[in-house]
Amino acid sequence: AVHAAARAWLAGPGPARLTDPVLLRHLLELAVATGLPLQIHTGFGDPDLRLHHADPSLLTDFVRATADTGTPLVLLHCYPYHRQAAYLAAVYPHVYADVGLTLGHTGAHAAAVLAEFLELTPFGKLLFSTDAYGLPELYTVGSAVFRTALRTVLDGWTHTGAWSYEDAARIAALIAAGNARRVYGLGDGL
């Protein structure tokens, strides 16, 4: 069935996006079997997606099925379903949420969205990336938006006494780099 589906997809005149359920299932099984972090695009992103099909909570059965594999699942983008992604990260030990594309696209509201991520996501399971590509400026802007949003959220919570400055610094280090280093096995040298 996999070979037939692959031949049909390769010979087809359709778009390059892979939508065949047989091939998708096969590739997901192969990816999970590696034990390496599996990045799953959820929420907004490409213009050809149907946003209501990109809700990460629709992955719940897959998340449950992979719970004992040891393979980390990293939910990318997530917006506007970032709270659903946060829930999955809170409930399942192998699920992580990446704020990547979300913060860069929410701009002035990035701090509010980051605070919503932090409502449920365990601090050790939220990852930062810019999700930038192409123009070098996109990396710079993504990093700046993230730093500003994180500073705004943490300053607010420390000023109200919800967190100590030490806790805020520890959590900032986890989200900014520590969690990604741990999940992706990058070590401390980067």
N, C-alpha and C. Protein backbone atom coordinates (compact mmCIF):
# COMPACT_ATOMS: atom_id res chain seq x y z
N ALA A 1 0.83 -1.19 0.00
CA ALA A 1 0.00 0.00 0.00
C ALA A 1 0.87 1.25 0.00
N VAL A 2 1.97 1.22 0.75
CA VAL A 2 2.85 2.39 0.82
C VAL A 2 3.49 2.65 -0.54
N HIS A 3 3.98 1.59 -1.20
CA HIS A 3 4.61 1.76 -2.51
C HIS A 3 3.62 2.30 -3.53
N ALA A 4 2.42 1.77 -3.52
CA ALA A 4 1.40 2.23 -4.46
C ALA A 4 1.05 3.69 -4.20
N ALA A 5 0.92 4.07 -2.95
CA ALA A 5 0.60 5.45 -2.61
C ALA A 5 1.74 6.38 -3.01
N ALA A 6 2.98 5.96 -2.81
CA ALA A 6 4.13 6.78 -3.19
C ALA A 6 4.18 6.96 -4.70
N ARG A 7 3.97 5.89 -5.45
CA ARG A 7 3.98 5.99 -6.91
C ARG A 7 2.88 6.94 -7.39
N ALA A 8 1.71 6.82 -6.83
CA ALA A 8 0.60 7.68 -7.23
C ALA A 8 0.89 9.14 -6.92
N TRP A 9 1.47 9.40 -5.75
CA TRP A 9 1.76 10.77 -5.37
C TRP A 9 2.85 11.36 -6.26
N LEU A 10 3.90 10.60 -6.51
CA LEU A 10 4.99 11.09 -7.36
C LEU A 10 4.56 11.31 -8.80
N ALA A 11 3.64 10.50 -9.30
CA ALA A 11 3.19 10.62 -10.68
C ALA A 11 2.09 11.67 -10.84
N GLY A 12 1.49 12.06 -9.76
CA GLY A 12 0.35 12.96 -9.83
C GLY A 12 0.70 14.37 -10.23
N PRO A 13 -0.25 15.06 -10.85
CA PRO A 13 -0.02 16.43 -11.28
C PRO A 13 -0.29 17.44 -10.17
N GLY A 14 -0.74 16.96 -9.04
CA GLY A 14 -1.17 17.83 -7.95
C GLY A 14 -0.02 18.58 -7.29
N PRO A 15 -0.36 19.32 -6.26
CA PRO A 15 0.65 20.10 -5.53
C PRO A 15 1.65 19.18 -4.84
N ALA A 16 2.79 19.75 -4.52
CA ALA A 16 3.86 18.98 -3.89
C ALA A 16 3.54 18.62 -2.44
N ARG A 17 2.56 19.28 -1.84
CA ARG A 17 2.23 19.01 -0.44
C ARG A 17 1.72 17.58 -0.30
N LEU A 18 2.27 16.88 0.65
CA LEU A 18 1.90 15.49 0.89
C LEU A 18 0.63 15.44 1.74
N THR A 19 -0.42 14.83 1.19
CA THR A 19 -1.68 14.71 1.92
C THR A 19 -2.19 13.27 1.97
N ASP A 20 -1.51 12.37 1.31
CA ASP A 20 -1.96 10.98 1.26
C ASP A 20 -1.86 10.36 2.66
N PRO A 21 -2.98 9.87 3.22
CA PRO A 21 -2.96 9.34 4.59
C PRO A 21 -2.07 8.12 4.76
N VAL A 22 -1.93 7.30 3.73
CA VAL A 22 -1.07 6.12 3.83
C VAL A 22 0.38 6.55 3.96
N LEU A 23 0.80 7.49 3.12
CA LEU A 23 2.19 7.98 3.19
C LEU A 23 2.44 8.75 4.48
N LEU A 24 1.50 9.57 4.87
CA LEU A 24 1.69 10.33 6.11
C LEU A 24 1.84 9.40 7.31
N ARG A 25 0.98 8.41 7.40
CA ARG A 25 1.05 7.46 8.51
C ARG A 25 2.39 6.72 8.50
N HIS A 26 2.82 6.30 7.32
CA HIS A 26 4.09 5.57 7.20
C HIS A 26 5.26 6.46 7.63
N LEU A 27 5.28 7.70 7.14
CA LEU A 27 6.37 8.61 7.49
C LEU A 27 6.37 8.96 8.97
N LEU A 28 5.20 9.12 9.55
CA LEU A 28 5.13 9.38 10.99
C LEU A 28 5.66 8.20 11.80
N GLU A 29 5.31 6.99 11.38
CA GLU A 29 5.82 5.80 12.06
C GLU A 29 7.34 5.73 11.97
N LEU A 30 7.89 6.03 10.79
CA LEU A 30 9.35 6.03 10.63
C LEU A 30 10.00 7.10 11.49
N ALA A 31 9.41 8.28 11.51
CA ALA A 31 9.97 9.39 12.28
C ALA A 31 9.96 9.08 13.78
N VAL A 32 8.86 8.56 14.27
CA VAL A 32 8.76 8.22 15.70
C VAL A 32 9.77 7.14 16.05
N ALA A 33 9.98 6.19 15.15
CA ALA A 33 10.91 5.09 15.42
C ALA A 33 12.35 5.56 15.59
N THR A 34 12.70 6.73 15.07
CA THR A 34 14.07 7.24 15.22
C THR A 34 14.37 7.66 16.65
N GLY A 35 13.33 8.05 17.39
CA GLY A 35 13.54 8.55 18.74
C GLY A 35 13.99 10.00 18.78
N LEU A 36 14.21 10.58 17.61
CA LEU A 36 14.61 11.98 17.53
C LEU A 36 13.39 12.88 17.68
N PRO A 37 13.57 14.13 18.12
CA PRO A 37 12.43 15.03 18.23
C PRO A 37 11.70 15.17 16.89
N LEU A 38 10.40 15.07 16.95
CA LEU A 38 9.56 15.19 15.76
C LEU A 38 8.84 16.53 15.82
N GLN A 39 9.15 17.40 14.88
CA GLN A 39 8.52 18.71 14.82
C GLN A 39 7.23 18.60 14.02
N ILE A 40 6.15 19.08 14.60
CA ILE A 40 4.84 19.01 13.95
C ILE A 40 4.29 20.43 13.83
N HIS A 41 4.07 20.84 12.60
CA HIS A 41 3.52 22.17 12.36
C HIS A 41 2.03 22.16 12.70
N THR A 42 1.64 23.07 13.60
CA THR A 42 0.24 23.21 13.99
C THR A 42 -0.11 24.69 13.89
N GLY A 43 -1.39 24.98 13.92
CA GLY A 43 -1.81 26.37 13.85
C GLY A 43 -1.54 26.98 12.49
N PHE A 44 -1.37 28.29 12.49
CA PHE A 44 -1.24 29.02 11.23
C PHE A 44 0.11 28.80 10.58
N GLY A 45 0.22 29.23 9.36
CA GLY A 45 1.47 29.06 8.62
C GLY A 45 1.24 29.26 7.14
N ASP A 46 1.26 28.20 6.40
CA ASP A 46 1.14 28.29 4.94
C ASP A 46 -0.27 28.70 4.52
N PRO A 47 -0.36 29.46 3.41
CA PRO A 47 -1.67 29.96 2.99
C PRO A 47 -2.63 28.87 2.48
N ASP A 48 -2.11 27.71 2.15
CA ASP A 48 -2.99 26.67 1.62
C ASP A 48 -3.58 25.75 2.69
N LEU A 49 -3.28 26.01 3.96
CA LEU A 49 -3.82 25.12 4.99
C LEU A 49 -5.25 25.51 5.35
N ARG A 50 -5.95 24.58 5.91
CA ARG A 50 -7.29 24.84 6.47
C ARG A 50 -7.08 24.94 7.98
N LEU A 51 -7.17 26.16 8.49
CA LEU A 51 -6.77 26.43 9.86
C LEU A 51 -7.48 25.53 10.87
N HIS A 52 -8.74 25.25 10.67
CA HIS A 52 -9.46 24.42 11.65
C HIS A 52 -8.95 22.98 11.66
N HIS A 53 -8.19 22.59 10.66
CA HIS A 53 -7.56 21.26 10.67
C HIS A 53 -6.19 21.28 11.33
N ALA A 54 -5.71 22.47 11.71
CA ALA A 54 -4.37 22.61 12.27
C ALA A 54 -4.37 22.79 13.79
N ASP A 55 -5.48 22.53 14.43
CA ASP A 55 -5.60 22.60 15.88
C ASP A 55 -4.80 21.44 16.48
N PRO A 56 -3.80 21.71 17.32
CA PRO A 56 -2.99 20.62 17.86
C PRO A 56 -3.77 19.61 18.69
N SER A 57 -4.92 20.00 19.22
CA SER A 57 -5.70 19.02 20.00
C SER A 57 -6.22 17.89 19.11
N LEU A 58 -6.25 18.10 17.79
CA LEU A 58 -6.64 17.03 16.87
C LEU A 58 -5.59 15.92 16.84
N LEU A 59 -4.41 16.19 17.38
CA LEU A 59 -3.33 15.20 17.43
C LEU A 59 -3.38 14.33 18.69
N THR A 60 -4.38 14.49 19.51
CA THR A 60 -4.42 13.80 20.80
C THR A 60 -4.26 12.29 20.68
N ASP A 61 -4.93 11.67 19.74
CA ASP A 61 -4.79 10.21 19.58
C ASP A 61 -3.37 9.83 19.20
N PHE A 62 -2.75 10.61 18.31
CA PHE A 62 -1.36 10.37 17.93
C PHE A 62 -0.43 10.57 19.12
N VAL A 63 -0.68 11.62 19.88
CA VAL A 63 0.13 11.89 21.08
C VAL A 63 0.04 10.73 22.05
N ARG A 64 -1.16 10.24 22.28
CA ARG A 64 -1.33 9.09 23.18
C ARG A 64 -0.62 7.85 22.64
N ALA A 65 -0.74 7.64 21.34
CA ALA A 65 -0.13 6.44 20.73
C ALA A 65 1.38 6.46 20.79
N THR A 66 1.98 7.64 20.88
CA THR A 66 3.44 7.75 20.90
C THR A 66 3.99 7.99 22.30
N ALA A 67 3.14 7.97 23.30
CA ALA A 67 3.55 8.33 24.66
C ALA A 67 4.69 7.47 25.20
N ASP A 68 4.73 6.21 24.85
CA ASP A 68 5.75 5.30 25.40
C ASP A 68 6.94 5.08 24.48
N THR A 69 7.07 5.87 23.44
CA THR A 69 8.15 5.66 22.47
C THR A 69 9.45 6.35 22.86
N GLY A 70 9.36 7.35 23.71
CA GLY A 70 10.55 8.13 24.04
C GLY A 70 10.84 9.22 23.03
N THR A 71 10.01 9.35 22.02
CA THR A 71 10.21 10.37 20.99
C THR A 71 9.54 11.67 21.41
N PRO A 72 10.32 12.75 21.54
CA PRO A 72 9.70 14.04 21.86
C PRO A 72 8.91 14.57 20.66
N LEU A 73 7.73 15.08 20.92
CA LEU A 73 6.92 15.74 19.90
C LEU A 73 6.96 17.23 20.17
N VAL A 74 7.42 18.01 19.21
CA VAL A 74 7.54 19.45 19.37
C VAL A 74 6.49 20.11 18.48
N LEU A 75 5.52 20.76 19.11
CA LEU A 75 4.45 21.43 18.38
C LEU A 75 4.93 22.83 18.00
N LEU A 76 4.99 23.09 16.71
CA LEU A 76 5.48 24.37 16.21
C LEU A 76 4.32 25.30 15.88
N HIS A 77 4.58 26.58 15.94
CA HIS A 77 3.67 27.66 15.58
C HIS A 77 2.49 27.75 16.56
N CYS A 78 1.57 26.84 16.46
CA CYS A 78 0.46 26.66 17.40
C CYS A 78 -0.66 27.70 17.31
N TYR A 79 -0.36 28.93 17.00
CA TYR A 79 -1.35 30.01 17.04
C TYR A 79 -2.40 29.85 15.96
N PRO A 80 -3.65 30.08 16.21
CA PRO A 80 -4.27 30.61 17.42
C PRO A 80 -4.66 29.53 18.44
N TYR A 81 -4.10 28.36 18.27
CA TYR A 81 -4.42 27.23 19.16
C TYR A 81 -3.31 27.00 20.19
N HIS A 82 -2.66 28.07 20.61
CA HIS A 82 -1.53 27.93 21.53
C HIS A 82 -1.95 27.39 22.89
N ARG A 83 -3.16 27.65 23.32
CA ARG A 83 -3.61 27.10 24.60
C ARG A 83 -3.82 25.59 24.51
N GLN A 84 -4.28 25.12 23.36
CA GLN A 84 -4.42 23.68 23.17
C GLN A 84 -3.05 23.01 23.17
N ALA A 85 -2.08 23.64 22.52
CA ALA A 85 -0.71 23.11 22.51
C ALA A 85 -0.15 23.11 23.93
N ALA A 86 -0.41 24.17 24.67
CA ALA A 86 0.06 24.25 26.05
C ALA A 86 -0.54 23.13 26.89
N TYR A 87 -1.81 22.85 26.66
CA TYR A 87 -2.47 21.76 27.39
C TYR A 87 -1.80 20.43 27.09
N LEU A 88 -1.56 20.15 25.81
CA LEU A 88 -0.92 18.88 25.45
C LEU A 88 0.46 18.77 26.09
N ALA A 89 1.20 19.88 26.10
CA ALA A 89 2.53 19.87 26.72
C ALA A 89 2.42 19.65 28.23
N ALA A 90 1.36 20.14 28.83
CA ALA A 90 1.18 19.97 30.27
C ALA A 90 0.79 18.55 30.64
N VAL A 91 0.02 17.90 29.78
CA VAL A 91 -0.54 16.60 30.11
C VAL A 91 0.35 15.44 29.69
N TYR A 92 1.09 15.60 28.61
CA TYR A 92 1.89 14.49 28.08
C TYR A 92 3.38 14.79 28.24
N PRO A 93 4.12 13.90 28.88
CA PRO A 93 5.53 14.16 29.17
C PRO A 93 6.41 14.33 27.94
N HIS A 94 6.01 13.81 26.80
CA HIS A 94 6.86 13.87 25.61
C HIS A 94 6.46 14.98 24.64
N VAL A 95 5.54 15.85 25.04
CA VAL A 95 5.08 16.93 24.17
C VAL A 95 5.65 18.26 24.64
N TYR A 96 6.12 19.04 23.67
CA TYR A 96 6.70 20.36 23.91
C TYR A 96 6.02 21.36 22.98
N ALA A 97 6.05 22.63 23.35
CA ALA A 97 5.49 23.68 22.50
C ALA A 97 6.59 24.67 22.16
N ASP A 98 6.64 25.09 20.91
CA ASP A 98 7.62 26.05 20.41
C ASP A 98 6.88 27.33 20.04
N VAL A 99 7.32 28.45 20.59
CA VAL A 99 6.64 29.72 20.37
C VAL A 99 7.00 30.36 19.03
N GLY A 100 7.98 29.79 18.33
CA GLY A 100 8.47 30.27 17.05
C GLY A 100 7.64 31.30 16.33
N LEU A 101 7.10 30.92 15.24
CA LEU A 101 6.38 31.81 14.33
C LEU A 101 5.32 32.66 15.03
N THR A 102 4.76 32.16 16.10
CA THR A 102 3.66 32.84 16.79
C THR A 102 4.03 34.24 17.24
N LEU A 103 5.11 34.38 17.98
CA LEU A 103 5.43 35.68 18.57
C LEU A 103 5.78 36.71 17.51
N GLY A 104 6.50 36.30 16.48
CA GLY A 104 6.84 37.23 15.42
C GLY A 104 5.63 37.77 14.68
N HIS A 105 4.59 36.98 14.62
CA HIS A 105 3.39 37.40 13.89
C HIS A 105 2.36 38.09 14.78
N THR A 106 2.49 37.98 16.08
CA THR A 106 1.54 38.65 16.96
C THR A 106 2.08 40.01 17.42
N GLY A 107 3.33 40.31 17.11
CA GLY A 107 3.90 41.64 17.29
C GLY A 107 3.65 42.27 18.64
N ALA A 108 2.88 43.35 18.65
CA ALA A 108 2.64 44.11 19.88
C ALA A 108 1.91 43.29 20.93
N HIS A 109 1.25 42.23 20.53
CA HIS A 109 0.54 41.36 21.48
C HIS A 109 1.34 40.12 21.83
N ALA A 110 2.60 40.07 21.43
CA ALA A 110 3.42 38.88 21.68
C ALA A 110 3.52 38.56 23.17
N ALA A 111 3.62 39.57 24.01
CA ALA A 111 3.72 39.32 25.46
C ALA A 111 2.45 38.67 25.99
N ALA A 112 1.30 39.13 25.52
CA ALA A 112 0.04 38.54 25.97
C ALA A 112 -0.07 37.08 25.52
N VAL A 113 0.34 36.81 24.30
CA VAL A 113 0.28 35.44 23.79
C VAL A 113 1.27 34.55 24.54
N LEU A 114 2.46 35.06 24.80
CA LEU A 114 3.44 34.28 25.57
C LEU A 114 2.92 33.99 26.97
N ALA A 115 2.27 34.96 27.59
CA ALA A 115 1.69 34.74 28.92
C ALA A 115 0.62 33.65 28.85
N GLU A 116 -0.14 33.62 27.76
CA GLU A 116 -1.15 32.56 27.60
C GLU A 116 -0.49 31.19 27.42
N PHE A 117 0.61 31.14 26.68
CA PHE A 117 1.37 29.88 26.58
C PHE A 117 1.76 29.42 27.98
N LEU A 118 2.24 30.36 28.79
CA LEU A 118 2.76 30.02 30.11
C LEU A 118 1.68 29.71 31.14
N GLU A 119 0.41 29.95 30.80
CA GLU A 119 -0.67 29.58 31.72
C GLU A 119 -0.67 28.08 31.99
N LEU A 120 -0.38 27.28 30.97
CA LEU A 120 -0.45 25.83 31.10
C LEU A 120 0.85 25.10 30.82
N THR A 121 1.66 25.64 29.93
CA THR A 121 2.88 24.92 29.54
C THR A 121 3.86 24.88 30.70
N PRO A 122 4.31 23.71 31.09
CA PRO A 122 5.37 23.64 32.10
C PRO A 122 6.60 24.41 31.61
N PHE A 123 7.28 25.07 32.51
CA PHE A 123 8.40 25.92 32.11
C PHE A 123 9.49 25.15 31.39
N GLY A 124 9.64 23.89 31.70
CA GLY A 124 10.65 23.07 31.04
C GLY A 124 10.22 22.50 29.70
N LYS A 125 9.04 22.93 29.20
CA LYS A 125 8.52 22.36 27.97
C LYS A 125 8.17 23.40 26.92
N LEU A 126 8.55 24.65 27.16
CA LEU A 126 8.30 25.72 26.19
C LEU A 126 9.63 26.09 25.55
N LEU A 127 9.67 26.10 24.24
CA LEU A 127 10.91 26.36 23.50
C LEU A 127 10.78 27.63 22.67
N PHE A 128 11.89 28.33 22.54
CA PHE A 128 11.96 29.50 21.67
C PHE A 128 12.66 29.15 20.37
N SER A 129 12.12 29.67 19.30
CA SER A 129 12.80 29.71 18.01
C SER A 129 12.27 30.93 17.29
N THR A 130 12.99 31.40 16.30
CA THR A 130 12.46 32.50 15.50
C THR A 130 11.58 31.95 14.38
N ASP A 131 11.81 30.71 13.99
CA ASP A 131 11.19 30.10 12.82
C ASP A 131 11.46 30.94 11.58
N ALA A 132 12.54 31.67 11.60
CA ALA A 132 12.90 32.52 10.47
C ALA A 132 13.56 31.70 9.37
N TYR A 133 13.50 32.22 8.18
CA TYR A 133 14.17 31.62 7.03
C TYR A 133 14.44 32.74 6.04
N GLY A 134 15.43 32.53 5.22
CA GLY A 134 15.70 33.52 4.17
C GLY A 134 16.43 34.74 4.68
N LEU A 135 15.75 35.83 4.79
CA LEU A 135 16.37 37.10 5.16
C LEU A 135 16.96 37.06 6.56
N PRO A 136 18.21 37.47 6.72
CA PRO A 136 18.82 37.49 8.05
C PRO A 136 18.06 38.38 9.03
N GLU A 137 17.43 39.42 8.52
CA GLU A 137 16.69 40.34 9.38
C GLU A 137 15.55 39.64 10.12
N LEU A 138 15.01 38.59 9.53
CA LEU A 138 13.92 37.87 10.19
C LEU A 138 14.38 37.21 11.48
N TYR A 139 15.61 36.74 11.52
CA TYR A 139 16.16 36.15 12.74
C TYR A 139 16.31 37.22 13.81
N THR A 140 16.79 38.38 13.41
CA THR A 140 16.99 39.48 14.35
C THR A 140 15.65 39.96 14.91
N VAL A 141 14.69 40.17 14.04
CA VAL A 141 13.38 40.63 14.48
C VAL A 141 12.71 39.59 15.38
N GLY A 142 12.77 38.32 14.99
CA GLY A 142 12.17 37.27 15.81
C GLY A 142 12.77 37.21 17.20
N SER A 143 14.09 37.34 17.27
CA SER A 143 14.77 37.33 18.57
C SER A 143 14.38 38.54 19.40
N ALA A 144 14.32 39.70 18.76
CA ALA A 144 13.98 40.93 19.49
C ALA A 144 12.55 40.88 20.02
N VAL A 145 11.62 40.41 19.21
CA VAL A 145 10.23 40.30 19.65
C VAL A 145 10.13 39.33 20.83
N PHE A 146 10.82 38.20 20.74
CA PHE A 146 10.80 37.23 21.83
C PHE A 146 11.36 37.83 23.11
N ARG A 147 12.52 38.47 23.03
CA ARG A 147 13.15 39.04 24.23
C ARG A 147 12.24 40.09 24.87
N THR A 148 11.65 40.94 24.04
CA THR A 148 10.76 41.98 24.57
C THR A 148 9.53 41.36 25.23
N ALA A 149 8.94 40.38 24.58
CA ALA A 149 7.75 39.72 25.14
C ALA A 149 8.09 39.02 26.45
N LEU A 150 9.19 38.29 26.47
CA LEU A 150 9.58 37.56 27.67
C LEU A 150 9.88 38.53 28.81
N ARG A 151 10.60 39.60 28.50
CA ARG A 151 10.91 40.60 29.53
C ARG A 151 9.63 41.22 30.08
N THR A 152 8.69 41.54 29.21
CA THR A 152 7.42 42.14 29.64
C THR A 152 6.66 41.20 30.57
N VAL A 153 6.55 39.94 30.19
CA VAL A 153 5.82 38.97 31.01
C VAL A 153 6.52 38.77 32.35
N LEU A 154 7.82 38.51 32.32
CA LEU A 154 8.54 38.22 33.56
C LEU A 154 8.62 39.44 34.47
N ASP A 155 8.83 40.62 33.89
CA ASP A 155 8.84 41.84 34.71
C ASP A 155 7.50 42.03 35.42
N GLY A 156 6.43 41.79 34.68
CA GLY A 156 5.10 41.93 35.28
C GLY A 156 4.89 40.97 36.43
N TRP A 157 5.29 39.74 36.24
CA TRP A 157 5.07 38.73 37.27
C TRP A 157 6.00 38.93 38.48
N THR A 158 7.20 39.44 38.25
CA THR A 158 8.08 39.70 39.40
C THR A 158 7.62 40.95 40.15
N HIS A 159 7.14 41.95 39.43
CA HIS A 159 6.69 43.18 40.10
C HIS A 159 5.44 42.95 40.94
N THR A 160 4.62 42.00 40.56
CA THR A 160 3.42 41.70 41.37
C THR A 160 3.72 40.72 42.49
N GLY A 161 4.94 40.19 42.51
CA GLY A 161 5.32 39.24 43.55
C GLY A 161 4.96 37.81 43.23
N ALA A 162 4.44 37.56 42.03
CA ALA A 162 4.08 36.19 41.65
C ALA A 162 5.33 35.32 41.56
N TRP A 163 6.42 35.91 41.09
CA TRP A 163 7.68 35.17 40.95
C TRP A 163 8.80 35.99 41.56
N SER A 164 9.82 35.28 42.02
CA SER A 164 11.04 35.97 42.46
C SER A 164 11.88 36.28 41.23
N TYR A 165 12.82 37.18 41.37
CA TYR A 165 13.72 37.50 40.25
C TYR A 165 14.56 36.28 39.87
N GLU A 166 14.94 35.50 40.88
CA GLU A 166 15.73 34.30 40.61
C GLU A 166 14.94 33.29 39.78
N ASP A 167 13.67 33.10 40.14
CA ASP A 167 12.82 32.19 39.36
C ASP A 167 12.63 32.70 37.94
N ALA A 168 12.41 34.00 37.80
CA ALA A 168 12.22 34.58 36.47
C ALA A 168 13.47 34.38 35.62
N ALA A 169 14.65 34.58 36.19
CA ALA A 169 15.89 34.39 35.44
C ALA A 169 16.08 32.93 35.04
N ARG A 170 15.75 32.01 35.95
CA ARG A 170 15.88 30.59 35.65
C ARG A 170 14.92 30.18 34.53
N ILE A 171 13.69 30.65 34.61
CA ILE A 171 12.69 30.29 33.60
C ILE A 171 13.03 30.93 32.26
N ALA A 172 13.53 32.15 32.27
CA ALA A 172 13.95 32.80 31.02
C ALA A 172 15.05 31.99 30.35
N ALA A 173 16.01 31.52 31.13
CA ALA A 173 17.11 30.72 30.57
C ALA A 173 16.60 29.40 30.00
N LEU A 174 15.63 28.79 30.67
CA LEU A 174 15.05 27.54 30.16
C LEU A 174 14.38 27.75 28.81
N ILE A 175 13.49 28.74 28.75
CA ILE A 175 12.72 28.97 27.53
C ILE A 175 13.61 29.46 26.40
N ALA A 176 14.53 30.36 26.70
CA ALA A 176 15.36 30.96 25.65
C ALA A 176 16.32 29.97 25.03
N ALA A 177 16.82 29.01 25.79
CA ALA A 177 17.83 28.10 25.22
C ALA A 177 17.89 26.74 25.89
N GLY A 178 17.76 26.70 27.19
CA GLY A 178 17.97 25.45 27.93
C GLY A 178 17.06 24.31 27.50
N ASN A 179 15.79 24.60 27.31
CA ASN A 179 14.86 23.54 26.92
C ASN A 179 15.20 22.98 25.55
N ALA A 180 15.49 23.84 24.60
CA ALA A 180 15.85 23.38 23.25
C ALA A 180 17.14 22.57 23.28
N ARG A 181 18.11 23.01 24.07
CA ARG A 181 19.36 22.25 24.17
C ARG A 181 19.10 20.84 24.70
N ARG A 182 18.23 20.75 25.70
CA ARG A 182 17.92 19.44 26.28
C ARG A 182 17.13 18.58 25.29
N VAL A 183 16.07 19.11 24.72
CA VAL A 183 15.20 18.32 23.83
C VAL A 183 15.95 17.86 22.58
N TYR A 184 16.75 18.75 22.00
CA TYR A 184 17.45 18.43 20.76
C TYR A 184 18.85 17.86 20.99
N GLY A 185 19.23 17.69 22.26
CA GLY A 185 20.53 17.10 22.58
C GLY A 185 21.70 17.94 22.11
N LEU A 186 21.58 19.25 22.26
CA LEU A 186 22.62 20.16 21.76
C LEU A 186 23.73 20.42 22.76
N GLY A 187 23.54 20.09 24.00
CA GLY A 187 24.57 20.34 25.00
C GLY A 187 24.64 21.80 25.36
N ASP A 188 25.61 22.15 26.19
CA ASP A 188 25.74 23.52 26.67
C ASP A 188 26.71 24.35 25.86
N GLY A 189 27.38 23.76 24.90
CA GLY A 189 28.43 24.47 24.17
C GLY A 189 27.95 25.46 23.14
N LEU A 190 26.67 25.48 22.83
CA LEU A 190 26.18 26.39 21.79
C LEU A 190 25.79 27.72 22.35
